[in-house]
Amino acid sequence: MFDLTEHQHNEIAMAGDQPVTAIDTQTKTVYVLVRQEIYERFSAVIEDDNARHFEALFEKLDSEDWEDASNYEDAK
């Protein structure tokens, strides 16, 4: 675990209830940040048996529904 910088805190606060994405500038890996209680509820629903079902649903998502992570490449 790590502490958020003031800038990161402000970005999360401005997002409100919307998911917040972060990019690892070294690997270009994009992460979605969610509050712990949301993660715990989500992970409780997904069990190994259900993971394949959700994977199939994620594959059906239109890529245009996801925000372009390149918007965050200059944000540090």
C-alpha atoms as a PDB file:
ATOM      1  CA  MET A   1       0.000   0.000   0.000  1.00  0.00           C
ATOM      2  CA  PHE A   2       1.139   3.560  -0.614  1.00  0.00           C
ATOM      3  CA  ASP A   3      -0.095   7.021   0.314  1.00  0.00           C
ATOM      4  CA  LEU A   4      -1.741   9.185  -2.317  1.00  0.00           C
ATOM      5  CA  THR A   5      -0.092  12.426  -3.288  1.00  0.00           C
ATOM      6  CA  GLU A   6      -2.164  15.589  -2.986  1.00  0.00           C
ATOM      7  CA  HIS A   7      -2.578  15.610  -6.778  1.00  0.00           C
ATOM      8  CA  GLN A   8      -3.829  12.001  -6.786  1.00  0.00           C
ATOM      9  CA  HIS A   9      -6.222  12.764  -3.928  1.00  0.00           C
ATOM     10  CA  ASN A  10      -7.640  15.716  -5.878  1.00  0.00           C
ATOM     11  CA  GLU A  11      -8.073  13.613  -9.039  1.00  0.00           C
ATOM     12  CA  ILE A  12     -10.007  10.981  -7.088  1.00  0.00           C
ATOM     13  CA  ALA A  13     -12.144  13.633  -5.378  1.00  0.00           C
ATOM     14  CA  MET A  14     -12.978  15.245  -8.725  1.00  0.00           C
ATOM     15  CA  ALA A  15     -13.998  11.888 -10.195  1.00  0.00           C
ATOM     16  CA  GLY A  16     -16.774  11.494  -7.635  1.00  0.00           C
ATOM     17  CA  ASP A  17     -18.404   8.104  -8.109  1.00  0.00           C
ATOM     18  CA  GLN A  18     -16.681   7.442 -11.438  1.00  0.00           C
ATOM     19  CA  PRO A  19     -13.797   4.958 -11.652  1.00  0.00           C
ATOM     20  CA  VAL A  20     -10.336   6.491 -11.637  1.00  0.00           C
ATOM     21  CA  THR A  21      -7.610   5.155 -13.882  1.00  0.00           C
ATOM     22  CA  ALA A  22      -3.889   5.375 -13.309  1.00  0.00           C
ATOM     23  CA  ILE A  23      -1.067   4.449 -15.641  1.00  0.00           C
ATOM     24  CA  ASP A  24       2.334   3.062 -14.776  1.00  0.00           C
ATOM     25  CA  THR A  25       4.479   5.222 -17.032  1.00  0.00           C
ATOM     26  CA  GLN A  26       7.287   2.660 -17.069  1.00  0.00           C
ATOM     27  CA  THR A  27       5.196  -0.319 -18.181  1.00  0.00           C
ATOM     28  CA  LYS A  28       2.201   1.533 -19.698  1.00  0.00           C
ATOM     29  CA  THR A  29      -0.031  -0.722 -17.575  1.00  0.00           C
ATOM     30  CA  VAL A  30      -3.373   0.901 -16.764  1.00  0.00           C
ATOM     31  CA  TYR A  31      -5.034   0.355 -13.403  1.00  0.00           C
ATOM     32  CA  VAL A  32      -8.552   1.127 -12.239  1.00  0.00           C
ATOM     33  CA  LEU A  33      -8.753   2.447  -8.701  1.00  0.00           C
ATOM     34  CA  VAL A  34     -11.845   1.632  -6.673  1.00  0.00           C
ATOM     35  CA  ARG A  35     -12.670   2.131  -3.018  1.00  0.00           C
ATOM     36  CA  GLN A  36     -11.928  -0.903  -0.871  1.00  0.00           C
ATOM     37  CA  GLU A  37     -15.578  -1.520   0.038  1.00  0.00           C
ATOM     38  CA  ILE A  38     -16.508  -1.637  -3.662  1.00  0.00           C
ATOM     39  CA  TYR A  39     -13.643  -4.022  -4.392  1.00  0.00           C
ATOM     40  CA  GLU A  40     -14.702  -6.280  -1.511  1.00  0.00           C
ATOM     41  CA  ARG A  41     -18.315  -6.395  -2.725  1.00  0.00           C
ATOM     42  CA  PHE A  42     -17.202  -7.097  -6.285  1.00  0.00           C
ATOM     43  CA  SER A  43     -14.706  -9.775  -5.314  1.00  0.00           C
ATOM     44  CA  ALA A  44     -17.290 -11.484  -3.093  1.00  0.00           C
ATOM     45  CA  VAL A  45     -19.519 -11.899  -6.132  1.00  0.00           C
ATOM     46  CA  ILE A  46     -16.774 -13.309  -8.301  1.00  0.00           C
ATOM     47  CA  GLU A  47     -15.701 -16.785  -7.381  1.00  0.00           C
ATOM     48  CA  ASP A  48     -13.504 -19.036  -9.480  1.00  0.00           C
ATOM     49  CA  ASP A  49     -16.592 -20.605 -11.057  1.00  0.00           C
ATOM     50  CA  ASN A  50     -17.954 -17.211 -12.050  1.00  0.00           C
ATOM     51  CA  ALA A  51     -14.682 -15.698 -13.284  1.00  0.00           C
ATOM     52  CA  ARG A  52     -15.026 -17.212 -16.752  1.00  0.00           C
ATOM     53  CA  HIS A  53     -18.543 -15.778 -17.027  1.00  0.00           C
ATOM     54  CA  PHE A  54     -17.339 -12.262 -16.175  1.00  0.00           C
ATOM     55  CA  GLU A  55     -14.351 -12.575 -18.496  1.00  0.00           C
ATOM     56  CA  ALA A  56     -16.726 -13.268 -21.365  1.00  0.00           C
ATOM     57  CA  LEU A  57     -18.810 -10.236 -20.411  1.00  0.00           C
ATOM     58  CA  PHE A  58     -15.741  -7.988 -20.295  1.00  0.00           C
ATOM     59  CA  GLU A  59     -14.718  -9.162 -23.753  1.00  0.00           C
ATOM     60  CA  LYS A  60     -18.086  -7.978 -25.095  1.00  0.00           C
ATOM     61  CA  LEU A  61     -17.545  -4.425 -23.867  1.00  0.00           C
ATOM     62  CA  ASP A  62     -17.065  -1.889 -26.603  1.00  0.00           C
ATOM     63  CA  SER A  63     -13.598  -0.383 -26.421  1.00  0.00           C
ATOM     64  CA  GLU A  64     -15.179   3.047 -26.959  1.00  0.00           C
ATOM     65  CA  ASP A  65     -16.811   2.669 -23.538  1.00  0.00           C
ATOM     66  CA  TRP A  66     -13.382   2.880 -21.907  1.00  0.00           C
ATOM     67  CA  GLU A  67     -11.538   6.138 -21.464  1.00  0.00           C
ATOM     68  CA  ASP A  68      -8.281   6.407 -23.381  1.00  0.00           C
ATOM     69  CA  ALA A  69      -5.447   5.987 -20.877  1.00  0.00           C
ATOM     70  CA  SER A  70      -3.202   8.180 -23.012  1.00  0.00           C
ATOM     71  CA  ASN A  71      -5.088  11.136 -21.494  1.00  0.00           C
ATOM     72  CA  TYR A  72      -3.126  10.444 -18.327  1.00  0.00           C
ATOM     73  CA  GLU A  73       0.350   9.906 -19.744  1.00  0.00           C
ATOM     74  CA  ASP A  74       1.420  13.498 -18.993  1.00  0.00           C
ATOM     75  CA  ALA A  75      -0.293  13.609 -15.574  1.00  0.00           C
ATOM     76  CA  LYS A  76       2.081  12.898 -12.754  1.00  0.00           C
END
